[in-house]
């Protein structure tokens, strides 16, 4: 029940109440000196804490105030958060970063999707709309993918994400991801003949039984999650496989 949980299309068609709206309603209720009043007071405190965590995520990463990066973990420690609760906060971070990308001249044509799962944590990817129209894949890689009927897209995967302790800690990975009906191991082997990985880049060490897989990955540190830095890393990574033309 926060703003990133709803698409612009949904928000334009239906009346929505977010947690912030609910808090505003509770704050306007007259004081009740009974059990119901205590319940309302407790729920108000819960909402204030949850919304303050979301505000810290925006302040830290959208506005670049890394001095408050530990406040998120400190507040979560008092909240008995489950693993799924933690995944949601990382998903909220990616939802806000998606809004940032929608205002970027290089990425705004891409329709990004976010999701979370038990296995890999949370992710943001533009697989549905493929690559932005302003991005041109290296001709040799493009021909190879056409021959193999393979699709390419960019993918950010977060593991501990905003909960990492140190700013230099690894929090996730930037990936060039792929979907193909060809033999995956053979596909990667042939791709490696076309692309020479740089220092700090990785090929998959094992193949999961999934519909897609990453061809090349690069680890992300917590300090690189600041939106301006994260977009810069995405551009540098993307230009390893092609070029942008604006």
Protein backbone atom coordinates (compact mmCIF):
# COMPACT_ATOMS: atom_id res chain seq x y z
CA UNK A 1 0.00 0.00 0.00
CA UNK A 2 2.68 2.48 -1.01
CA UNK A 3 3.02 4.51 -4.19
CA UNK A 4 5.41 2.15 -6.05
CA UNK A 5 2.96 -0.75 -5.67
CA UNK A 6 0.64 0.64 -8.35
CA UNK A 7 1.28 1.37 -12.01
CA UNK A 8 0.47 4.78 -13.47
CA UNK A 9 -2.32 3.12 -15.45
CA UNK A 10 -3.95 1.72 -12.31
CA UNK A 11 -3.52 5.00 -10.42
CA UNK A 12 -5.26 6.89 -13.24
CA UNK A 13 -8.29 4.55 -13.29
CA UNK A 14 -8.99 3.80 -9.64
CA UNK A 15 -9.08 5.71 -6.35
CA UNK A 16 -6.17 4.55 -4.22
CA UNK A 17 -5.49 4.72 -0.51
CA UNK A 18 -1.85 4.33 0.53
CA UNK A 19 -0.46 3.88 4.02
CA UNK A 20 0.29 7.61 4.07
CA UNK A 21 -3.39 8.33 3.39
CA UNK A 22 -4.42 5.95 6.17
CA UNK A 23 -2.04 7.67 8.60
CA UNK A 24 -3.56 11.05 7.68
CA UNK A 25 -7.04 9.69 8.41
CA UNK A 26 -5.96 8.27 11.79
CA UNK A 27 -4.25 11.52 12.76
CA UNK A 28 -7.54 13.39 12.18
CA UNK A 29 -9.63 11.08 14.40
CA UNK A 30 -10.69 12.42 17.80
CA UNK A 31 -8.85 10.91 20.75
CA UNK A 32 -10.57 7.85 22.25
CA UNK A 33 -9.73 6.86 25.84
CA UNK A 34 -10.59 3.18 25.44
CA UNK A 35 -9.17 -0.06 23.99
CA UNK A 36 -9.99 1.08 20.45
CA UNK A 37 -8.04 4.28 21.04
CA UNK A 38 -5.01 2.26 22.18
CA UNK A 39 -5.28 0.09 19.06
CA UNK A 40 -5.41 3.18 16.83
CA UNK A 41 -2.42 4.73 18.63
CA UNK A 42 -0.37 1.56 18.17
CA UNK A 43 -1.27 1.31 14.50
CA UNK A 44 -0.41 4.98 14.00
CA UNK A 45 3.04 4.37 15.52
CA UNK A 46 3.48 1.34 13.25
CA UNK A 47 2.66 3.38 10.14
CA UNK A 48 4.95 6.23 11.21
CA UNK A 49 7.84 3.80 11.60
CA UNK A 50 7.20 2.04 8.28
CA UNK A 51 6.86 5.30 6.37
CA UNK A 52 10.01 6.70 7.98
CA UNK A 53 11.94 3.67 6.67
CA UNK A 54 10.67 4.38 3.15
CA UNK A 55 11.65 8.05 3.55
CA UNK A 56 15.17 7.04 4.61
CA UNK A 57 15.49 4.88 1.47
CA UNK A 58 14.57 7.86 -0.71
CA UNK A 59 16.79 10.28 1.22
CA UNK A 60 19.77 7.92 1.18
CA UNK A 61 19.68 6.67 -2.39
CA UNK A 62 17.57 9.07 -4.46
CA UNK A 63 19.05 12.17 -2.80
CA UNK A 64 22.51 10.68 -2.16
CA UNK A 65 22.58 11.21 1.62
CA UNK A 66 24.67 8.13 2.46
CA UNK A 67 25.21 9.37 6.01
CA UNK A 68 21.83 7.87 6.93
CA UNK A 69 22.35 4.46 5.29
CA UNK A 70 22.54 2.62 8.65
CA UNK A 71 19.27 4.11 9.94
CA UNK A 72 17.25 1.74 7.77
CA UNK A 73 18.78 -1.37 9.35
CA UNK A 74 18.50 0.15 12.84
CA UNK A 75 14.77 0.75 12.43
CA UNK A 76 14.19 -2.69 10.93
CA UNK A 77 15.85 -4.34 13.96
CA UNK A 78 13.03 -3.00 16.13
CA UNK A 79 10.32 -4.31 13.80
CA UNK A 80 10.70 -8.13 13.80
CA UNK A 81 10.94 -8.12 10.03
CA UNK A 82 10.58 -11.35 8.08
CA UNK A 83 12.72 -12.13 5.03
CA UNK A 84 9.76 -11.19 2.85
CA UNK A 85 9.48 -7.81 4.61
CA UNK A 86 13.15 -7.17 3.82
CA UNK A 87 12.63 -8.16 0.21
CA UNK A 88 9.79 -5.66 -0.01
CA UNK A 89 12.02 -2.78 1.12
CA UNK A 90 14.59 -3.68 -1.53
CA UNK A 91 11.70 -3.89 -4.01
CA UNK A 92 10.60 -0.42 -2.90
CA UNK A 93 14.15 0.81 -3.57
CA UNK A 94 14.00 -0.63 -7.11
CA UNK A 95 10.56 0.86 -7.64
CA UNK A 96 11.92 4.31 -6.83
CA UNK A 97 14.95 3.70 -9.06
CA UNK A 98 12.55 2.72 -11.85
CA UNK A 99 10.95 6.17 -11.50
CA UNK A 100 14.42 7.71 -11.77
CA UNK A 101 15.12 5.79 -14.99
CA UNK A 102 11.79 6.89 -16.48
CA UNK A 103 13.17 10.46 -16.45
CA UNK A 104 16.49 9.53 -18.06
CA UNK A 105 16.88 10.31 -21.80
CA UNK A 106 18.74 7.02 -22.32
CA UNK A 107 16.32 4.70 -20.51
CA UNK A 108 12.90 6.30 -20.56
CA UNK A 109 11.73 4.28 -23.58
CA UNK A 110 12.26 1.03 -21.67
CA UNK A 111 9.34 -0.31 -19.62
CA UNK A 112 10.93 -1.73 -16.50
CA UNK A 113 9.41 -4.50 -14.40
CA UNK A 114 10.17 -5.26 -10.75
CA UNK A 115 9.48 -8.39 -8.74
CA UNK A 116 10.73 -10.52 -5.85
CA UNK A 117 11.13 -14.23 -5.23
CA UNK A 118 12.52 -16.59 -2.63
CA UNK A 119 15.48 -17.71 -4.71
CA UNK A 120 17.19 -14.57 -5.98
CA UNK A 121 15.78 -11.76 -3.85
CA UNK A 122 14.43 -8.82 -5.87
CA UNK A 123 15.07 -7.64 -9.40
CA UNK A 124 14.39 -4.94 -11.96
CA UNK A 125 14.51 -5.80 -15.67
CA UNK A 126 13.34 -4.51 -19.05
CA UNK A 127 12.77 -7.95 -20.54
CA UNK A 128 9.16 -7.24 -21.51
CA UNK A 129 10.01 -4.33 -23.82
CA UNK A 130 13.52 -5.63 -24.62
CA UNK A 131 16.23 -2.97 -25.02
CA UNK A 132 15.61 0.81 -25.26
CA UNK A 133 15.18 2.18 -28.78
CA UNK A 134 18.19 4.45 -28.23
CA UNK A 135 20.46 1.46 -27.58
CA UNK A 136 22.19 -0.46 -30.38
CA UNK A 137 23.68 -3.87 -29.68
CA UNK A 138 27.14 -4.67 -31.05
CA UNK A 139 26.52 -6.07 -34.60
CA UNK A 140 28.33 -9.36 -33.96
CA UNK A 141 26.36 -9.98 -30.74
CA UNK A 142 23.12 -8.96 -32.47
CA UNK A 143 23.70 -11.40 -35.36
CA UNK A 144 24.57 -14.20 -32.95
CA UNK A 145 21.37 -13.64 -30.96
CA UNK A 146 19.27 -13.51 -34.12
CA UNK A 147 20.75 -16.82 -35.28
CA UNK A 148 19.93 -18.39 -31.91
CA UNK A 149 16.49 -16.69 -31.60
CA UNK A 150 17.70 -15.19 -28.33
CA UNK A 151 16.50 -12.06 -26.57
CA UNK A 152 18.75 -9.81 -24.48
CA UNK A 153 17.88 -7.41 -21.68
CA UNK A 154 19.46 -5.65 -18.70
CA UNK A 155 18.72 -6.84 -15.21
CA UNK A 156 19.53 -5.63 -11.68
CA UNK A 157 19.36 -8.25 -8.95
CA UNK A 158 19.62 -7.34 -5.26
CA UNK A 159 20.41 -9.76 -2.46
CA UNK A 160 20.98 -7.95 0.85
CA UNK A 161 20.63 -4.58 -0.93
CA UNK A 162 19.90 -1.67 1.43
CA UNK A 163 20.55 -3.90 4.48
CA UNK A 164 24.27 -4.40 3.82
CA UNK A 165 26.43 -3.18 6.71
CA UNK A 166 29.32 -1.51 4.85
CA UNK A 167 29.24 0.82 1.87
CA UNK A 168 31.78 -1.39 0.07
CA UNK A 169 29.82 -4.60 0.73
CA UNK A 170 28.51 -6.50 -2.30
CA UNK A 171 24.73 -6.06 -2.43
CA UNK A 172 23.72 -7.49 -5.81
CA UNK A 173 24.61 -7.72 -9.47
CA UNK A 174 24.18 -5.96 -12.80
CA UNK A 175 23.47 -8.50 -15.52
CA UNK A 176 23.13 -8.84 -19.26
CA UNK A 177 20.41 -11.45 -19.26
CA UNK A 178 19.20 -13.77 -21.99
CA UNK A 179 16.35 -16.04 -22.99
CA UNK A 180 16.84 -18.72 -25.66
CA UNK A 181 15.59 -22.17 -26.60
CA UNK A 182 19.12 -23.19 -27.60
CA UNK A 183 21.32 -25.31 -25.33
CA UNK A 184 22.31 -22.86 -22.60
CA UNK A 185 25.84 -24.14 -21.96
CA UNK A 186 26.63 -24.19 -25.67
CA UNK A 187 25.09 -20.73 -26.09
CA UNK A 188 27.31 -19.26 -23.36
CA UNK A 189 30.40 -20.97 -24.77
CA UNK A 190 29.78 -19.46 -28.22
CA UNK A 191 28.99 -16.06 -26.70
CA UNK A 192 32.32 -16.08 -24.86
CA UNK A 193 33.99 -16.41 -28.26
CA UNK A 194 32.41 -13.09 -29.27
CA UNK A 195 32.83 -11.17 -26.03
CA UNK A 196 35.93 -10.77 -23.89
CA UNK A 197 34.98 -10.13 -20.29
CA UNK A 198 36.60 -7.27 -18.38
CA UNK A 199 38.04 -7.35 -14.87
CA UNK A 200 35.23 -7.60 -12.36
CA UNK A 201 32.82 -9.24 -14.81
CA UNK A 202 31.55 -12.79 -14.41
CA UNK A 203 30.12 -15.55 -16.52
CA UNK A 204 27.63 -17.87 -14.78
CA UNK A 205 29.39 -20.66 -12.89
CA UNK A 206 26.34 -22.94 -12.97
CA UNK A 207 23.07 -23.04 -14.82
CA UNK A 208 19.75 -23.00 -13.00
CA UNK A 209 16.71 -24.70 -14.40
CA UNK A 210 15.01 -21.41 -15.30
CA UNK A 211 13.63 -19.72 -18.37
CA UNK A 212 16.40 -17.14 -18.49
CA UNK A 213 20.02 -16.80 -17.37
CA UNK A 214 22.69 -14.15 -17.20
CA UNK A 215 25.40 -14.02 -19.85
CA UNK A 216 27.64 -11.51 -18.08
CA UNK A 217 27.37 -10.10 -14.57
CA UNK A 218 29.10 -7.40 -12.54
CA UNK A 219 28.79 -7.07 -8.76
CA UNK A 220 27.34 -3.93 -7.18
CA UNK A 221 28.47 -2.38 -3.90
CA UNK A 222 26.15 -0.57 -1.49
CA UNK A 223 27.62 2.85 -2.28
CA UNK A 224 26.82 2.26 -5.95
CA UNK A 225 23.10 2.06 -5.11
CA UNK A 226 22.85 5.86 -5.05
CA UNK A 227 20.62 6.46 -8.06
CA UNK A 228 23.03 8.69 -10.00
CA UNK A 229 25.86 6.22 -9.46
CA UNK A 230 23.71 3.19 -10.23
CA UNK A 231 22.54 4.67 -13.54
CA UNK A 232 26.14 5.53 -14.40
CA UNK A 233 27.19 1.93 -13.72
CA UNK A 234 24.32 0.68 -15.88
CA UNK A 235 25.38 2.89 -18.79
CA UNK A 236 29.03 1.81 -18.53
CA UNK A 237 27.94 -1.83 -18.35
CA UNK A 238 25.55 -1.50 -21.31
CA UNK A 239 28.24 0.14 -23.43
CA UNK A 240 30.30 -3.01 -23.10
CA UNK A 241 27.79 -4.69 -25.43
CA UNK A 242 26.68 -1.83 -27.66
CA UNK A 243 26.15 1.95 -27.71
CA UNK A 244 23.55 4.62 -27.00
CA UNK A 245 22.50 7.14 -29.63
CA UNK A 246 20.43 10.11 -28.52
